[in-house]
Amino acid sequence: MATSLAAMAARRAANLTRLTPSISSTTRASSLISRRGLAGAADHHGPPKIDCWKDPMSPSQWKEEHFVIVSLTGWGLLIGGLYKFFTRGKKEEEVL
C-alpha cells in the first residue's frame, strides 16, 4: 500500500515537472504520451498456442480466439440442426 502511494506520488511529481511552462510545446506534447510499462504482450507463459487447423484434435493448444470461433460455430450448428430436425415434420396442410 505504501509503495503504491509512493509510486503514485512520484508519477504525479513527474507529470507536474513535465508540464512546466519552460518546456516547448512539442516536447511537452510528446512527454504526455503514455508508456506501456509492464504490458507484457511479448511475455508468453507456457507453450506457444497454435492455429486450430494445424492440430484440430487438441483444443487445449489452440489460440483463444480460434477456440471461441470454433466453439460458437459448433453451438450454432447444433442449435440450428436441432431446430430444423424438430420443425421439419410440421408442414402446413393446404385447404382445398
Protein backbone atom coordinates (compact mmCIF):
# COMPACT_ATOMS: atom_id res chain seq x y z
CA MET A 1 0.00 0.00 0.00
CA ALA A 2 2.76 2.40 0.97
CA THR A 3 4.79 1.55 -2.10
CA SER A 4 1.82 2.15 -4.39
CA LEU A 5 1.16 5.50 -2.73
CA ALA A 6 4.82 6.44 -3.12
CA ALA A 7 4.77 5.37 -6.76
CA MET A 8 1.60 7.39 -7.37
CA ALA A 9 3.14 10.45 -5.75
CA ALA A 10 6.29 10.03 -7.83
CA ARG A 11 4.23 9.80 -11.03
CA ARG A 12 2.30 12.94 -10.13
CA ALA A 13 5.51 14.81 -9.39
CA ALA A 14 7.00 13.67 -12.69
CA ASN A 15 3.87 14.79 -14.55
CA LEU A 16 3.98 18.19 -12.87
CA THR A 17 7.60 18.67 -13.82
CA ARG A 18 6.78 17.73 -17.41
CA LEU A 19 4.07 20.37 -17.59
CA THR A 20 6.21 23.33 -16.58
CA PRO A 21 5.86 26.32 -18.94
CA SER A 22 9.61 26.47 -19.66
CA ILE A 23 9.40 23.38 -21.87
CA SER A 24 8.49 23.91 -25.52
CA SER A 25 5.05 22.77 -26.68
CA THR A 26 6.32 19.93 -28.88
CA THR A 27 8.42 18.47 -26.09
CA ARG A 28 5.51 18.87 -23.68
CA ALA A 29 3.11 17.08 -26.05
CA SER A 30 5.47 14.17 -26.61
CA SER A 31 6.04 13.77 -22.89
CA LEU A 32 2.29 13.26 -22.28
CA ILE A 33 2.17 10.13 -24.44
CA SER A 34 1.56 7.18 -22.17
CA ARG A 35 4.11 4.44 -21.97
CA ARG A 36 3.08 0.80 -21.90
CA GLY A 37 5.23 -0.04 -18.91
CA LEU A 38 4.63 -3.64 -17.86
CA ALA A 39 2.07 -4.55 -20.52
CA GLY A 40 3.90 -7.78 -21.22
CA ALA A 41 2.39 -8.57 -24.60
CA ALA A 42 5.51 -10.48 -25.65
CA ASP A 43 5.84 -12.47 -22.41
CA HIS A 44 4.22 -15.84 -23.03
CA HIS A 45 3.67 -18.26 -20.20
CA GLY A 46 3.60 -21.89 -21.15
CA PRO A 47 3.81 -23.49 -24.58
CA PRO A 48 3.02 -21.37 -27.63
CA LYS A 49 -0.54 -21.56 -28.93
CA ILE A 50 -1.16 -22.88 -32.43
CA ASP A 51 -3.84 -22.37 -35.07
CA CYS A 52 -6.85 -24.68 -34.86
CA TRP A 53 -6.34 -26.09 -38.35
CA LYS A 54 -2.78 -27.20 -37.58
CA ASP A 55 -3.86 -29.59 -34.82
CA PRO A 56 -7.67 -29.90 -34.82
CA MET A 57 -7.80 -32.73 -32.27
CA SER A 58 -6.24 -30.84 -29.34
CA PRO A 59 -8.24 -27.70 -28.48
CA SER A 60 -6.12 -27.05 -25.40
CA GLN A 61 -3.27 -25.93 -27.68
CA TRP A 62 -5.40 -23.61 -29.86
CA LYS A 63 -5.24 -19.85 -29.74
CA GLU A 64 -8.02 -18.42 -27.62
CA GLU A 65 -9.75 -16.59 -30.47
CA HIS A 66 -9.76 -19.74 -32.61
CA PHE A 67 -11.26 -21.73 -29.74
CA VAL A 68 -14.03 -19.15 -29.37
CA ILE A 69 -14.81 -19.13 -33.09
CA VAL A 70 -14.89 -22.93 -33.34
CA SER A 71 -16.98 -23.27 -30.17
CA LEU A 72 -19.57 -20.68 -31.25
CA THR A 73 -19.75 -22.24 -34.73
CA GLY A 74 -20.33 -25.67 -33.18
CA TRP A 75 -23.08 -24.40 -30.90
CA GLY A 76 -24.72 -22.59 -33.81
CA LEU A 77 -24.68 -25.73 -35.96
CA LEU A 78 -26.06 -27.82 -33.10
CA ILE A 79 -28.91 -25.42 -32.29
CA GLY A 80 -29.71 -24.85 -35.97
CA GLY A 81 -29.68 -28.59 -36.68
CA LEU A 82 -31.93 -29.34 -33.73
CA TYR A 83 -34.33 -26.61 -34.79
CA LYS A 84 -34.50 -27.99 -38.33
CA PHE A 85 -34.91 -31.54 -37.05
CA PHE A 86 -37.79 -30.76 -34.69
CA THR A 87 -39.64 -28.35 -37.01
CA ARG A 88 -39.25 -30.42 -40.18
CA GLY A 89 -42.28 -32.66 -39.60
CA LYS A 90 -44.75 -29.81 -39.04
CA LYS A 91 -45.93 -29.00 -42.54
CA GLU A 92 -48.93 -26.81 -43.14
CA GLU A 93 -51.82 -28.59 -44.80
CA GLU A 94 -53.43 -26.92 -47.77
CA VAL A 95 -57.17 -26.46 -47.63
CA LEU A 96 -58.91 -27.04 -50.99
